[in-house]
C-alpha atoms as a PDB file:
ATOM      1  CA  MET A   1     -25.164  78.332 373.229  1.00  0.00           C
ATOM      2  CA  VAL A   2     -24.670  78.809 376.974  1.00  0.00           C
ATOM      3  CA  LEU A   3     -21.174  79.628 378.152  1.00  0.00           C
ATOM      4  CA  ASP A   4     -20.018  77.846 381.248  1.00  0.00           C
ATOM      5  CA  GLU A   5     -17.760  79.601 383.734  1.00  0.00           C
ATOM      6  CA  ASP A   6     -14.563  78.382 382.050  1.00  0.00           C
ATOM      7  CA  ASP A   7     -15.744  79.615 378.622  1.00  0.00           C
ATOM      8  CA  SER A   8     -16.692  83.024 379.973  1.00  0.00           C
ATOM      9  CA  LEU A   9     -13.246  83.380 381.492  1.00  0.00           C
ATOM     10  CA  ALA A  10     -11.639  82.629 378.138  1.00  0.00           C
ATOM     11  CA  ALA A  11     -13.831  85.068 376.150  1.00  0.00           C
ATOM     12  CA  ASN A  12     -12.773  88.623 375.380  1.00  0.00           C
ATOM     13  CA  ARG A  13      -9.072  87.920 375.668  1.00  0.00           C
ATOM     14  CA  ILE A  14      -6.373  89.677 373.646  1.00  0.00           C
ATOM     15  CA  VAL A  15      -4.659  87.511 371.046  1.00  0.00           C
ATOM     16  CA  ALA A  16      -1.723  88.939 369.095  1.00  0.00           C
ATOM     17  CA  ILE A  17      -0.951  87.554 365.664  1.00  0.00           C
ATOM     18  CA  VAL A  18       2.503  88.039 364.159  1.00  0.00           C
ATOM     19  CA  ASP A  19       2.825  86.867 360.568  1.00  0.00           C
ATOM     20  CA  ASP A  20       4.476  88.498 357.573  1.00  0.00           C
ATOM     21  CA  ASP A  21       1.916  86.880 355.241  1.00  0.00           C
ATOM     22  CA  GLU A  22      -0.973  89.351 355.241  1.00  0.00           C
ATOM     23  CA  ALA A  23      -3.526  86.809 353.967  1.00  0.00           C
ATOM     24  CA  VAL A  24      -2.674  84.355 356.754  1.00  0.00           C
ATOM     25  CA  ARG A  25      -2.639  87.134 359.354  1.00  0.00           C
ATOM     26  CA  LEU A  26      -6.057  88.457 358.277  1.00  0.00           C
ATOM     27  CA  ALA A  27      -7.645  84.996 358.046  1.00  0.00           C
ATOM     28  CA  THR A  28      -6.278  84.032 361.460  1.00  0.00           C
ATOM     29  CA  ALA A  29      -7.477  87.337 362.921  1.00  0.00           C
ATOM     30  CA  SER A  30     -10.959  86.745 361.531  1.00  0.00           C
ATOM     31  CA  LEU A  31     -11.087  83.274 363.067  1.00  0.00           C
ATOM     32  CA  VAL A  32      -9.907  84.534 366.459  1.00  0.00           C
ATOM     33  CA  ARG A  33     -12.431  87.405 366.405  1.00  0.00           C
ATOM     34  CA  SER A  34     -15.198  84.890 365.680  1.00  0.00           C
ATOM     35  CA  LEU A  35     -14.330  83.294 369.034  1.00  0.00           C
ATOM     36  CA  GLY A  36     -15.054  86.592 370.776  1.00  0.00           C
ATOM     37  CA  HIS A  37     -11.482  87.704 371.337  1.00  0.00           C
ATOM     38  CA  GLU A  38      -9.786  90.996 370.595  1.00  0.00           C
ATOM     39  CA  VAL A  39      -7.065  90.695 367.955  1.00  0.00           C
ATOM     40  CA  ARG A  40      -3.917  92.718 367.414  1.00  0.00           C
ATOM     41  CA  GLY A  41      -2.162  91.964 364.141  1.00  0.00           C
ATOM     42  CA  PHE A  42       1.494  92.633 363.415  1.00  0.00           C
ATOM     43  CA  ALA A  43       3.351  92.178 360.111  1.00  0.00           C
ATOM     44  CA  SER A  44       6.667  91.572 361.865  1.00  0.00           C
ATOM     45  CA  ALA A  45       8.222  90.612 365.166  1.00  0.00           C
ATOM     46  CA  GLU A  46       9.889  94.015 365.194  1.00  0.00           C
ATOM     47  CA  ASP A  47       6.463  95.707 365.187  1.00  0.00           C
ATOM     48  CA  PHE A  48       5.270  93.475 368.002  1.00  0.00           C
ATOM     49  CA  LEU A  49       8.384  94.158 370.097  1.00  0.00           C
ATOM     50  CA  ARG A  50       7.962  97.934 369.921  1.00  0.00           C
ATOM     51  CA  PRO A  51       6.972  99.544 373.229  1.00  0.00           C
ATOM     52  CA  GLY A  52       3.359  98.688 374.064  1.00  0.00           C
ATOM     53  CA  GLY A  53       3.092  96.042 371.322  1.00  0.00           C
ATOM     54  CA  ASP A  54       2.424  93.209 373.709  1.00  0.00           C
ATOM     55  CA  GLU A  55       0.692  95.228 376.419  1.00  0.00           C
ATOM     56  CA  GLY A  56      -2.215  93.199 377.825  1.00  0.00           C
ATOM     57  CA  VAL A  57      -1.684  90.268 375.439  1.00  0.00           C
ATOM     58  CA  ASP A  58      -3.096  86.964 376.707  1.00  0.00           C
ATOM     59  CA  CYS A  59      -1.792  84.754 373.891  1.00  0.00           C
ATOM     60  CA  LEU A  60       0.497  85.088 370.879  1.00  0.00           C
ATOM     61  CA  VAL A  61       0.157  83.303 367.537  1.00  0.00           C
ATOM     62  CA  THR A  62       3.350  83.725 365.521  1.00  0.00           C
ATOM     63  CA  ASP A  63       4.882  82.466 362.328  1.00  0.00           C
ATOM     64  CA  VAL A  64       8.252  80.770 362.673  1.00  0.00           C
ATOM     65  CA  HIS A  65       9.863  81.935 359.424  1.00  0.00           C
ATOM     66  CA  MET A  66       9.732  85.707 358.873  1.00  0.00           C
ATOM     67  CA  PRO A  67      12.162  88.278 357.506  1.00  0.00           C
ATOM     68  CA  GLY A  68      14.159  90.055 360.175  1.00  0.00           C
ATOM     69  CA  ILE A  69      13.421  88.660 363.610  1.00  0.00           C
ATOM     70  CA  ASP A  70      11.978  85.159 363.246  1.00  0.00           C
ATOM     71  CA  GLY A  71       9.500  83.492 365.581  1.00  0.00           C
ATOM     72  CA  THR A  72      12.091  81.591 367.590  1.00  0.00           C
ATOM     73  CA  THR A  73      14.083  84.767 368.269  1.00  0.00           C
ATOM     74  CA  LEU A  74      10.840  86.540 369.158  1.00  0.00           C
ATOM     75  CA  GLN A  75      10.103  83.832 371.725  1.00  0.00           C
ATOM     76  CA  ARG A  76      13.582  84.155 373.200  1.00  0.00           C
ATOM     77  CA  ARG A  77      13.276  87.948 373.493  1.00  0.00           C
ATOM     78  CA  LEU A  78       9.872  87.664 375.145  1.00  0.00           C
ATOM     79  CA  ILE A  79      11.267  85.190 377.672  1.00  0.00           C
ATOM     80  CA  GLU A  80      14.129  87.609 378.376  1.00  0.00           C
ATOM     81  CA  ARG A  81      11.503  90.297 379.056  1.00  0.00           C
ATOM     82  CA  GLY A  82       9.663  88.023 381.465  1.00  0.00           C
ATOM     83  CA  ARG A  83       6.619  87.560 379.235  1.00  0.00           C
ATOM     84  CA  THR A  84       4.822  84.344 380.111  1.00  0.00           C
ATOM     85  CA  TYR A  85       1.680  84.288 377.964  1.00  0.00           C
ATOM     86  CA  PRO A  86       1.128  81.193 375.811  1.00  0.00           C
ATOM     87  CA  ILE A  87       2.735  81.188 372.367  1.00  0.00           C
ATOM     88  CA  VAL A  88       1.318  79.245 369.433  1.00  0.00           C
ATOM     89  CA  PHE A  89       3.746  78.752 366.552  1.00  0.00           C
ATOM     90  CA  VAL A  90       2.637  78.220 362.964  1.00  0.00           C
ATOM     91  CA  SER A  91       4.967  77.301 360.148  1.00  0.00           C
ATOM     92  CA  GLY A  92       4.793  76.455 356.478  1.00  0.00           C
ATOM     93  CA  PHE A  93       7.981  74.442 356.935  1.00  0.00           C
ATOM     94  CA  LEU A  94       7.539  71.909 359.709  1.00  0.00           C
ATOM     95  CA  ASP A  95      10.853  71.109 361.315  1.00  0.00           C
ATOM     96  CA  ASP A  96      11.176  68.702 364.234  1.00  0.00           C
ATOM     97  CA  ALA A  97      14.271  70.462 365.599  1.00  0.00           C
ATOM     98  CA  VAL A  98      12.474  73.831 365.632  1.00  0.00           C
ATOM     99  CA  ARG A  99       9.372  72.252 367.171  1.00  0.00           C
ATOM    100  CA  GLU A 100      11.421  70.628 369.913  1.00  0.00           C
ATOM    101  CA  SER A 101      13.311  73.872 370.574  1.00  0.00           C
ATOM    102  CA  VAL A 102      10.252  76.142 370.846  1.00  0.00           C
ATOM    103  CA  MET A 103       8.285  73.607 372.864  1.00  0.00           C
ATOM    104  CA  ALA A 104      11.208  73.119 375.266  1.00  0.00           C
ATOM    105  CA  ALA A 105      11.290  76.907 375.690  1.00  0.00           C
ATOM    106  CA  GLY A 106       7.600  76.902 376.673  1.00  0.00           C
ATOM    107  CA  ALA A 107       5.602  77.253 373.455  1.00  0.00           C
ATOM    108  CA  PHE A 108       2.058  75.993 373.725  1.00  0.00           C
ATOM    109  CA  CYS A 109       1.523  74.533 370.240  1.00  0.00           C
ATOM    110  CA  TYR A 110       3.391  74.130 366.971  1.00  0.00           C
ATOM    111  CA  LEU A 111       1.103  73.919 363.950  1.00  0.00           C
ATOM    112  CA  GLY A 112       1.827  73.424 360.274  1.00  0.00           C
ATOM    113  CA  LYS A 113       0.435  75.718 357.589  1.00  0.00           C
ATOM    114  CA  PRO A 114      -2.037  75.399 356.227  1.00  0.00           C
ATOM    115  CA  PHE A 115      -3.784  74.476 359.443  1.00  0.00           C
ATOM    116  CA  GLN A 116      -7.422  73.622 359.931  1.00  0.00           C
ATOM    117  CA  GLY A 117      -9.375  76.346 361.710  1.00  0.00           C
ATOM    118  CA  ASP A 118     -10.624  73.813 364.244  1.00  0.00           C
ATOM    119  CA  THR A 119      -7.042  72.853 365.075  1.00  0.00           C
ATOM    120  CA  LEU A 120      -6.121  76.440 365.908  1.00  0.00           C
ATOM    121  CA  VAL A 121      -9.379  76.939 367.823  1.00  0.00           C
ATOM    122  CA  THR A 122      -8.647  73.885 369.979  1.00  0.00           C
ATOM    123  CA  CYS A 123      -5.110  75.067 370.620  1.00  0.00           C
ATOM    124  CA  LEU A 124      -6.248  78.614 371.519  1.00  0.00           C
ATOM    125  CA  GLU A 125      -9.008  77.363 373.802  1.00  0.00           C
ATOM    126  CA  ARG A 126      -6.509  75.242 375.692  1.00  0.00           C
ATOM    127  CA  ALA A 127      -3.916  78.021 375.747  1.00  0.00           C
ATOM    128  CA  LEU A 128      -6.398  80.551 377.112  1.00  0.00           C
ATOM    129  CA  SER A 129      -7.814  78.210 379.739  1.00  0.00           C
ATOM    130  CA  SER A 130      -6.055  78.377 383.066  1.00  0.00           C
ATOM    131  CA  GLY A 131      -4.219  75.363 384.341  1.00  0.00           C
ATOM    132  CA  ASN A 132      -3.693  73.608 381.012  1.00  0.00           C
ATOM    133  CA  PRO A 133      -0.069  72.643 380.334  1.00  0.00           C
ATOM    134  CA  PRO A 134       1.576  73.174 376.946  1.00  0.00           C
ATOM    135  CA  THR A 135       1.254  70.498 374.287  1.00  0.00           C
ATOM    136  CA  ALA A 136       3.785  69.388 371.710  1.00  0.00           C
ATOM    137  CA  ALA A 137       1.028  68.662 369.217  1.00  0.00           C
ATOM    138  CA  SER A 138       1.601  69.444 365.587  1.00  0.00           C
ATOM    139  CA  THR A 139      -1.053  69.399 362.910  1.00  0.00           C
ATOM    140  CA  PRO A 140      -3.267  67.509 363.111  1.00  0.00           C
ATOM    141  CA  LEU A 141      -4.106  67.564 366.811  1.00  0.00           C
END
């Protein structure tokens, strides 16, 4: 496969994954690595928010429902810190009010678990491509 200029710009990016479910975090990390990106996995929002946790991050994939700081609070804290990278939310409990709230605050995608790998790939490709606006798409895209 030949990468065009847009694909080459999107390759080798840093994608952080925050999910308290280790199996989901590892499977998502494997998928993202298969796309040629560096992955940083975190078991909690607290770990991600520690100094240096989001250094150089190009995109964040986070669970909504986690013990301690949840995904929506994580998004709010990142906004307060001036972080503007795309955020992809995943949730085992789809909730229209949560979706509307995170999307209104600038989230890129809101996907239901379990999600199809292709759905996340499409969302990440769009999130990591410059000039593409956020989408309110839920599973399936």
